[in-house]
Protein backbone atom coordinates (compact mmCIF):
# COMPACT_ATOMS: atom_id res chain seq x y z
CA UNK A 1 24.27 7.12 2.90
CA UNK A 2 21.27 9.45 3.11
CA UNK A 3 18.21 8.48 1.09
CA UNK A 4 15.09 10.50 0.35
CA UNK A 5 11.97 8.38 -0.21
CA UNK A 6 9.15 9.97 -2.21
CA UNK A 7 5.56 8.87 -2.83
CA UNK A 8 4.07 11.28 -5.36
CA UNK A 9 0.33 11.57 -5.95
CA UNK A 10 -1.49 13.70 -8.49
CA UNK A 11 -1.84 16.60 -6.05
CA UNK A 12 0.30 15.45 -3.12
CA UNK A 13 3.78 14.29 -2.24
CA UNK A 14 4.85 12.38 0.86
CA UNK A 15 8.47 11.95 1.87
CA UNK A 16 10.79 10.38 4.43
CA UNK A 17 14.50 11.06 4.71
CA UNK A 18 16.71 8.23 6.02
CA UNK A 19 20.21 7.94 7.40
CA UNK A 20 20.98 4.39 6.28
CA UNK A 21 23.85 3.90 8.72
CA UNK A 22 21.20 3.05 11.31
CA UNK A 23 18.01 3.34 9.20
CA UNK A 24 16.85 6.27 11.30
CA UNK A 25 14.33 8.79 9.94
CA UNK A 26 15.94 12.24 9.93
CA UNK A 27 12.78 13.94 8.68
CA UNK A 28 9.42 13.23 7.12
CA UNK A 29 6.54 15.22 5.78
CA UNK A 30 4.05 15.87 3.04
CA UNK A 31 2.97 18.44 0.51
CA UNK A 32 -0.77 18.73 -0.08
CA UNK A 33 -2.90 20.59 -2.64
CA UNK A 34 -0.19 20.77 -5.31
CA UNK A 35 -1.51 22.90 -8.15
CA UNK A 36 -3.36 25.31 -5.85
CA UNK A 37 -2.49 28.73 -4.45
CA UNK A 38 -2.92 27.53 -0.85
CA UNK A 39 -0.68 24.46 -0.92
CA UNK A 40 0.41 23.06 2.43
CA UNK A 41 3.82 21.66 3.33
CA UNK A 42 4.20 19.87 6.67
CA UNK A 43 7.81 19.15 7.62
CA UNK A 44 8.66 16.99 10.66
CA UNK A 45 12.40 17.00 11.43
CA UNK A 46 13.64 14.57 14.08
CA UNK A 47 14.31 16.28 17.38
CA UNK A 48 12.97 19.65 16.22
CA UNK A 49 9.53 21.31 16.12
CA UNK A 50 7.27 20.50 13.19
CA UNK A 51 6.84 23.15 10.50
CA UNK A 52 3.65 23.95 8.59
CA UNK A 53 4.02 26.25 5.60
CA UNK A 54 1.24 27.50 3.30
CA UNK A 55 2.21 28.87 -0.12
CA UNK A 56 1.54 28.56 -3.84
CA UNK A 57 2.94 25.26 -5.17
CA UNK A 58 1.72 24.80 -8.72
CA UNK A 59 3.66 21.70 -9.78
CA UNK A 60 5.71 18.78 -8.50
CA UNK A 61 9.01 20.43 -9.43
CA UNK A 62 8.21 23.27 -7.01
CA UNK A 63 7.01 20.77 -4.38
CA UNK A 64 10.31 18.89 -4.47
CA UNK A 65 12.21 22.19 -4.38
CA UNK A 66 10.28 23.19 -1.25
CA UNK A 67 11.02 19.83 0.40
CA UNK A 68 14.73 20.23 -0.34
CA UNK A 69 14.71 23.79 1.01
CA UNK A 70 13.23 22.54 4.28
CA UNK A 71 15.73 19.69 4.56
CA UNK A 72 18.66 22.15 4.41
CA UNK A 73 16.99 25.03 6.28
CA UNK A 74 19.16 26.67 8.95
CA UNK A 75 16.56 26.26 11.70
CA UNK A 76 14.57 23.13 10.87
CA UNK A 77 16.80 21.38 8.37
CA UNK A 78 18.62 18.09 9.03
CA UNK A 79 21.48 18.32 6.50
CA UNK A 80 23.90 21.06 5.50
CA UNK A 81 23.51 20.87 1.73
CA UNK A 82 21.54 19.06 -0.97
CA UNK A 83 24.75 17.21 -1.81
CA UNK A 84 24.16 15.27 1.43
CA UNK A 85 21.29 13.47 -0.35
CA UNK A 86 22.92 10.42 -1.93
CA UNK A 87 19.90 8.85 -3.66
CA UNK A 88 16.12 9.09 -4.05
CA UNK A 89 13.73 6.14 -3.92
CA UNK A 90 10.21 6.28 -5.36
CA UNK A 91 7.09 4.23 -4.87
CA UNK A 92 5.52 3.31 -8.21
CA UNK A 93 2.20 1.48 -8.11
CA UNK A 94 2.28 -0.43 -11.40
CA UNK A 95 5.26 -2.21 -12.91
CA UNK A 96 3.25 -4.53 -15.14
CA UNK A 97 5.13 -7.59 -16.34
CA UNK A 98 8.21 -5.49 -17.07
CA UNK A 99 9.47 -5.30 -13.49
CA UNK A 100 9.74 -8.11 -10.98
CA UNK A 101 12.13 -6.15 -8.75
CA UNK A 102 13.25 -2.62 -7.98
CA UNK A 103 15.46 -0.87 -10.54
CA UNK A 104 17.62 2.21 -10.98
CA UNK A 105 15.89 4.84 -13.09
CA UNK A 106 17.18 5.35 -16.62
CA UNK A 107 15.65 6.42 -19.93
CA UNK A 108 14.27 2.95 -20.66
CA UNK A 109 12.72 2.57 -17.20
CA UNK A 110 11.00 5.95 -17.56
CA UNK A 111 9.54 4.94 -20.90
CA UNK A 112 8.26 1.62 -19.56
CA UNK A 113 6.56 3.40 -16.63
CA UNK A 114 4.89 5.72 -19.15
CA UNK A 115 3.83 2.73 -21.24
CA UNK A 116 1.96 1.45 -18.16
CA UNK A 117 -0.13 4.60 -17.74
CA UNK A 118 -3.16 2.80 -19.20
CA UNK A 119 -3.00 0.14 -16.46
CA UNK A 120 -2.66 2.67 -13.63
CA UNK A 121 -4.03 6.01 -14.87
CA UNK A 122 -4.58 7.36 -11.35
CA UNK A 123 -1.11 6.49 -10.07
CA UNK A 124 1.72 6.03 -12.57
CA UNK A 125 1.44 9.49 -14.19
CA UNK A 126 1.72 11.06 -10.73
CA UNK A 127 4.73 8.91 -9.84
CA UNK A 128 6.35 9.95 -13.12
CA UNK A 129 5.86 13.60 -12.19
CA UNK A 130 7.75 12.91 -8.96
CA UNK A 131 10.63 11.26 -10.82
CA UNK A 132 10.82 14.12 -13.34
CA UNK A 133 10.70 16.69 -10.52
CA UNK A 134 13.72 15.11 -8.83
CA UNK A 135 15.53 15.06 -12.19
CA UNK A 136 14.96 18.78 -12.56
CA UNK A 137 16.08 19.62 -9.02
CA UNK A 138 18.88 17.08 -8.58
CA UNK A 139 19.93 15.84 -12.04
CA UNK A 140 23.02 13.99 -10.82
CA UNK A 141 21.41 12.09 -7.93
CA UNK A 142 20.59 8.42 -8.69
CA UNK A 143 16.93 7.43 -8.43
CA UNK A 144 15.40 4.01 -7.76
CA UNK A 145 11.82 2.90 -8.34
CA UNK A 146 10.14 0.26 -6.17
CA UNK A 147 6.97 -1.26 -7.62
CA UNK A 148 3.85 -2.31 -5.68
CA UNK A 149 3.32 -5.08 -8.21
CA UNK A 150 6.84 -6.56 -8.21
CA UNK A 151 6.43 -8.94 -5.26
CA UNK A 152 3.38 -10.54 -6.89
CA UNK A 153 5.21 -11.43 -10.12
CA UNK A 154 5.84 -14.90 -8.64
CA UNK A 155 2.13 -15.81 -8.89
CA UNK A 156 1.46 -18.86 -11.08
CA UNK A 157 -0.58 -18.60 -14.27
CA UNK A 158 -3.66 -20.10 -12.61
CA UNK A 159 -3.60 -17.30 -10.05
CA UNK A 160 -3.07 -14.31 -12.28
CA UNK A 161 -4.92 -15.10 -15.52
CA UNK A 162 -8.60 -14.20 -15.92
CA UNK A 163 -11.02 -16.63 -17.62
CA UNK A 164 -11.61 -14.30 -20.56
CA UNK A 165 -10.47 -14.51 -24.22
CA UNK A 166 -6.71 -14.97 -24.18
CA UNK A 167 -6.24 -12.31 -26.84
CA UNK A 168 -6.93 -9.72 -24.12
CA UNK A 169 -3.94 -10.97 -22.18
CA UNK A 170 -1.65 -11.51 -25.15
CA UNK A 171 -2.33 -8.11 -26.75
CA UNK A 172 -3.19 -5.89 -23.78
CA UNK A 173 -1.70 -7.71 -20.76
CA UNK A 174 -5.06 -7.85 -18.98
CA UNK A 175 -4.34 -10.05 -15.95
CA UNK A 176 -4.08 -9.93 -12.17
CA UNK A 177 -1.06 -7.93 -10.99
CA UNK A 178 -1.77 -7.29 -7.33
CA UNK A 179 -0.68 -4.30 -5.26
CA UNK A 180 0.65 -3.44 -1.77
CA UNK A 181 3.44 -5.88 -2.63
CA UNK A 182 6.06 -3.92 -0.69
CA UNK A 183 3.91 -4.11 2.43
CA UNK A 184 3.00 -7.79 2.03
CA UNK A 185 6.67 -8.70 1.57
CA UNK A 186 7.80 -6.63 4.55
CA UNK A 187 5.29 -8.01 7.06
CA UNK A 188 5.82 -11.59 5.86
CA UNK A 189 9.54 -11.27 6.51
CA UNK A 190 8.88 -9.66 9.90
CA UNK A 191 6.46 -12.47 10.82
CA UNK A 192 9.10 -15.09 10.09
CA UNK A 193 11.59 -13.19 12.24
CA UNK A 194 9.05 -12.80 15.06
CA UNK A 195 8.33 -16.54 15.09
CA UNK A 196 12.01 -17.43 14.52
CA UNK A 197 11.12 -19.65 11.59
CA UNK A 198 12.37 -19.66 7.97
CA UNK A 199 10.02 -17.69 5.73
CA UNK A 200 10.31 -20.39 3.06
CA UNK A 201 8.75 -22.92 5.43
CA UNK A 202 5.67 -20.87 6.28
CA UNK A 203 2.24 -20.49 4.68
CA UNK A 204 1.11 -16.94 5.40
CA UNK A 205 -1.98 -14.85 4.74
CA UNK A 206 -1.13 -11.17 5.01
CA UNK A 207 -3.97 -8.66 5.33
CA UNK A 208 -3.05 -5.08 4.42
CA UNK A 209 -6.17 -3.30 5.63
CA UNK A 210 -6.23 0.47 5.16
CA UNK A 211 -8.42 2.78 3.10
CA UNK A 212 -7.22 0.56 0.27
CA UNK A 213 -7.08 -3.09 1.29
CA UNK A 214 -5.75 -6.41 0.01
CA UNK A 215 -4.92 -9.91 1.17
CA UNK A 216 -2.08 -12.06 -0.10
CA UNK A 217 -1.33 -15.79 0.08
CA UNK A 218 2.41 -16.27 0.57
CA UNK A 219 3.96 -19.71 0.24
CA UNK A 220 7.63 -20.70 0.05
CA UNK A 221 8.49 -17.05 0.63
CA UNK A 222 6.70 -16.01 -2.56
CA UNK A 223 3.37 -14.44 -3.46
CA UNK A 224 1.00 -17.20 -4.55
CA UNK A 225 -2.19 -15.16 -4.92
CA UNK A 226 -3.54 -11.74 -3.98
CA UNK A 227 -6.94 -10.08 -3.89
CA UNK A 228 -6.32 -6.93 -5.95
CA UNK A 229 -6.31 -7.56 -9.68
CA UNK A 230 -5.35 -5.68 -12.84
CA UNK A 231 -6.11 -2.53 -10.83
CA UNK A 232 -6.49 -1.82 -7.10
CA UNK A 233 -10.28 -1.96 -7.46
CA UNK A 234 -10.71 -5.74 -7.28
CA UNK A 235 -10.87 -7.81 -4.12
CA UNK A 236 -11.88 -6.66 -0.65
CA UNK A 237 -14.50 -4.06 0.13
CA UNK A 238 -12.57 -0.84 0.88
CA UNK A 239 -13.13 2.68 2.12
CA UNK A 240 -14.51 4.01 -1.17
CA UNK A 241 -13.84 1.09 -3.57
CA UNK A 242 -16.37 -1.63 -4.26
CA UNK A 243 -14.02 -4.60 -4.44
CA UNK A 244 -15.43 -7.75 -6.05
CA UNK A 245 -18.76 -7.48 -7.85
CA UNK A 246 -20.64 -9.03 -10.75
CA UNK A 247 -19.19 -7.41 -13.91
CA UNK A 248 -22.67 -7.29 -15.42
CA UNK A 249 -23.47 -4.55 -12.89
CA UNK A 250 -21.28 -2.12 -14.85
CA UNK A 251 -23.20 -2.01 -18.15
CA UNK A 252 -26.51 -2.20 -16.27
CA UNK A 253 -25.63 0.81 -14.08
CA UNK A 254 -24.40 2.69 -17.15
CA UNK A 255 -27.66 2.03 -19.00
CA UNK A 256 -30.03 2.72 -16.09
CA UNK A 257 -28.36 5.96 -15.00
CA UNK A 258 -26.86 7.08 -18.31
CA UNK A 259 -23.31 6.94 -16.96
CA UNK A 260 -20.26 7.16 -19.16
CA UNK A 261 -17.06 5.15 -18.61
CA UNK A 262 -15.45 7.88 -16.52
CA UNK A 263 -18.52 8.24 -14.30
CA UNK A 264 -18.93 4.52 -13.62
CA UNK A 265 -15.20 4.26 -12.91
CA UNK A 266 -15.53 7.10 -10.41
CA UNK A 267 -18.58 5.42 -8.83
CA UNK A 268 -16.71 2.15 -8.21
CA UNK A 269 -13.47 3.76 -7.05
CA UNK A 270 -14.59 6.83 -5.12
CA UNK A 271 -18.24 6.37 -4.16
CA UNK A 272 -18.59 2.73 -3.16
CA UNK A 273 -17.32 0.53 -0.31
CA UNK A 274 -17.80 1.60 3.29
CA UNK A 275 -18.81 5.09 2.17
CA UNK A 276 -21.66 3.82 0.01
CA UNK A 277 -23.09 1.20 2.36
CA UNK A 278 -22.86 3.26 5.54
CA UNK A 279 -24.00 6.47 3.87
CA UNK A 280 -21.78 8.08 6.45
CA UNK A 281 -18.04 7.77 5.96
CA UNK A 282 -15.19 5.81 4.42
CA UNK A 283 -13.40 5.90 7.79
CA UNK A 284 -13.94 2.72 9.81
CA UNK A 285 -13.43 4.63 13.07
CA UNK A 286 -16.45 6.82 12.35
CA UNK A 287 -18.46 3.80 11.28
CA UNK A 288 -17.69 1.96 14.53
CA UNK A 289 -18.69 5.03 16.53
CA UNK A 290 -22.02 5.08 14.68
CA UNK A 291 -22.43 1.34 15.35
CA UNK A 292 -22.21 2.01 19.07
CA UNK A 293 -25.08 4.48 18.69
CA UNK A 294 -27.21 1.87 16.95
CA UNK A 295 -26.82 3.02 13.35
CA UNK A 296 -28.06 0.07 11.26
CA UNK A 297 -26.36 1.09 8.01
CA UNK A 298 -23.04 1.54 9.80
CA UNK A 299 -23.45 -1.92 11.34
CA UNK A 300 -24.22 -3.41 7.94
CA UNK A 301 -21.16 -1.75 6.40
CA UNK A 302 -18.93 -3.12 9.17
CA UNK A 303 -20.42 -6.62 8.86
CA UNK A 304 -19.92 -6.69 5.09
CA UNK A 305 -16.36 -5.38 5.45
CA UNK A 306 -15.42 -8.01 8.05
CA UNK A 307 -17.14 -10.83 6.19
CA UNK A 308 -15.28 -10.20 2.94
CA UNK A 309 -11.89 -10.13 4.64
CA UNK A 310 -12.69 -13.37 6.47
CA UNK A 311 -13.91 -14.97 3.25
CA UNK A 312 -10.61 -14.23 1.52
CA UNK A 313 -8.66 -15.67 4.46
CA UNK A 314 -10.65 -18.89 4.11
CA UNK A 315 -10.11 -18.96 0.36
CA UNK A 316 -6.37 -18.52 0.68
CA UNK A 317 -6.12 -21.20 3.36
CA UNK A 318 -7.80 -23.52 0.86
CA UNK A 319 -5.55 -22.35 -1.99
CA UNK A 320 -2.40 -23.18 0.00
CA UNK A 321 -3.84 -26.31 1.66
CA UNK A 322 -3.36 -24.75 5.06
CA UNK A 323 -2.02 -21.68 6.81
CA UNK A 324 0.54 -21.18 9.57
CA UNK A 325 0.35 -17.43 10.11
CA UNK A 326 -2.19 -14.66 9.53
CA UNK A 327 -0.89 -11.09 9.67
CA UNK A 328 -2.87 -7.86 10.04
CA UNK A 329 -1.18 -4.62 8.98
CA UNK A 330 -1.77 -1.04 7.75
CA UNK A 331 -3.91 1.63 9.40
CA UNK A 332 -7.09 -0.38 10.00
CA UNK A 333 -5.41 -3.77 10.39
CA UNK A 334 -3.03 -2.42 13.04
CA UNK A 335 -5.56 -0.39 15.02
CA UNK A 336 -9.08 -1.82 14.68
CA UNK A 337 -9.10 -4.41 17.48
CA UNK A 338 -12.86 -5.01 17.08
CA UNK A 339 -12.43 -5.92 13.41
CA UNK A 340 -9.62 -8.37 14.23
CA UNK A 341 -11.72 -9.87 17.01
CA UNK A 342 -14.76 -10.44 14.79
CA UNK A 343 -12.60 -12.08 12.12
CA UNK A 344 -10.55 -14.30 14.43
CA UNK A 345 -13.57 -15.52 16.42
CA UNK A 346 -14.81 -17.16 13.20
CA UNK A 347 -11.49 -18.82 12.32
CA UNK A 348 -11.50 -21.54 14.97
CA UNK A 349 -11.92 -24.16 12.23
CA UNK A 350 -8.44 -23.24 11.00
CA UNK A 351 -6.93 -23.68 14.44
CA UNK A 352 -6.96 -20.05 15.60
CA UNK A 353 -7.07 -19.71 19.40
CA UNK A 354 -7.80 -16.03 19.83
CA UNK A 355 -6.56 -14.08 22.89
CA UNK A 356 -8.77 -10.99 23.44
CA UNK A 357 -6.43 -9.52 26.06
CA UNK A 358 -3.48 -9.55 23.67
CA UNK A 359 -5.69 -8.20 20.91
CA UNK A 360 -6.74 -5.19 22.99
CA UNK A 361 -3.20 -4.22 23.98
CA UNK A 362 -2.12 -0.91 22.46
CA UNK A 363 1.32 -1.30 20.96
CA UNK A 364 3.31 -0.01 18.00
CA UNK A 365 5.51 -3.10 17.87
CA UNK A 366 5.03 -6.55 16.38
CA UNK A 367 2.77 -8.68 18.55
CA UNK A 368 0.80 -11.91 18.76
CA UNK A 369 -2.99 -11.87 19.34
CA UNK A 370 -3.43 -15.63 19.68
CA UNK A 371 -2.39 -17.97 22.46
CA UNK A 372 1.16 -19.33 22.36
CA UNK A 373 -0.15 -22.82 21.53
CA UNK A 374 -2.57 -21.70 18.78
CA UNK A 375 -2.15 -23.94 15.74
CA UNK A 376 -2.38 -20.86 13.51
CA UNK A 377 -0.63 -17.79 14.83
CA UNK A 378 -2.22 -14.38 14.22
CA UNK A 379 0.11 -11.38 14.37
CA UNK A 380 -0.25 -7.62 14.17
CA UNK A 381 2.79 -6.13 12.44
CA UNK A 382 3.10 -2.42 11.61
CA UNK A 383 4.04 -2.05 7.98
CA UNK A 384 6.92 0.14 6.80
CA UNK A 385 6.86 0.46 3.02
CA UNK A 386 9.11 3.53 3.09
CA UNK A 387 11.87 1.57 4.83
CA UNK A 388 11.66 -1.16 2.17
CA UNK A 389 12.03 1.51 -0.53
CA UNK A 390 15.01 3.03 1.29
CA UNK A 391 16.66 -0.40 1.67
CA UNK A 392 16.18 -1.28 -1.99
CA UNK A 393 17.53 2.12 -3.03
CA UNK A 394 20.56 1.69 -0.77
CA UNK A 395 21.22 -1.82 -2.09
CA UNK A 396 20.97 -0.92 -5.76
CA UNK A 397 22.98 2.29 -5.55
CA UNK A 398 25.69 0.55 -3.56
CA UNK A 399 25.79 -2.31 -6.05
CA UNK A 400 26.19 0.15 -8.92
CA UNK A 401 29.18 1.69 -7.14
CA UNK A 402 30.96 -1.65 -6.63
């Protein structure tokens, strides 16, 4: 079975195309600047030269059409016909309380995703455009949606409720949902395999650290708590997001600077975090380069970033009454050895025996960065959310055919 995995944004679309007989990636790519005359499609077929094509792509329907044309192209395609695509899997950020697992798309599922637009206004409408675009281009191909929030639906009430009037939860479902669930689930399972121990017997803290970042406490194989909340804004300091702050700051900032709701939302999501503190960049690599040159604001941004991750690790160890494994994943978590070093050096109280030589090894495979006899093992595991989406799509479509 061949499965196309799509992650649609408001003006972008990323894709990977899998042969599920061996889970190999036949092709991957992205479409950028959808809605503009100079849209860019980058297509990377396995075993063939990459293709970069600039054209006018004004909507997601056209973007999907272009992707399909490249997949079947005589020179850089990887299949003979669109009929060789057996199913499409989509990433959807917010599933609310409606979805605790992946589902096949039908009329009801589409409506429930639309009903959640208020909870994820930056993400769910874009995902819906991707689903509709596939419908228009391949109406008979089954589609599956995999939700970032689904894995965290096992959190207990004490973890996901906010201490605010309960009417806000009962009427508007204002609560903690958590995100990056596909990634947290994947690396937790990989950690158990790496250590050759049952996942259900481990207490794990998984740290998905990219431009967006979150930590999760995983106990008995289930999500027990996570740092992102009703939206992806809560929790850790991120590239451009503030993370946790005193809620009284919002009305004060609005009053002092005459900001409206949209402007303060933009400030916290797009103009805060590493970008705001460093005054330089949201990219940790650039911040670390500036640190080496003695930039004090860059150093402060790094120190705040590291401190908040470490603080959440400590909190989740307390929440679970211990921890067996800490996992770093995603772009920053997998590659920023200095960040991992600074965090782990301050976790000796938990039983972390850090190994700097292992930490500095450059590898794209799962690896340990603590000594073999460390009471708490710290692992670096590359995440693969697209593969999880492909697997769920394969499983559900196969089940429907049985």
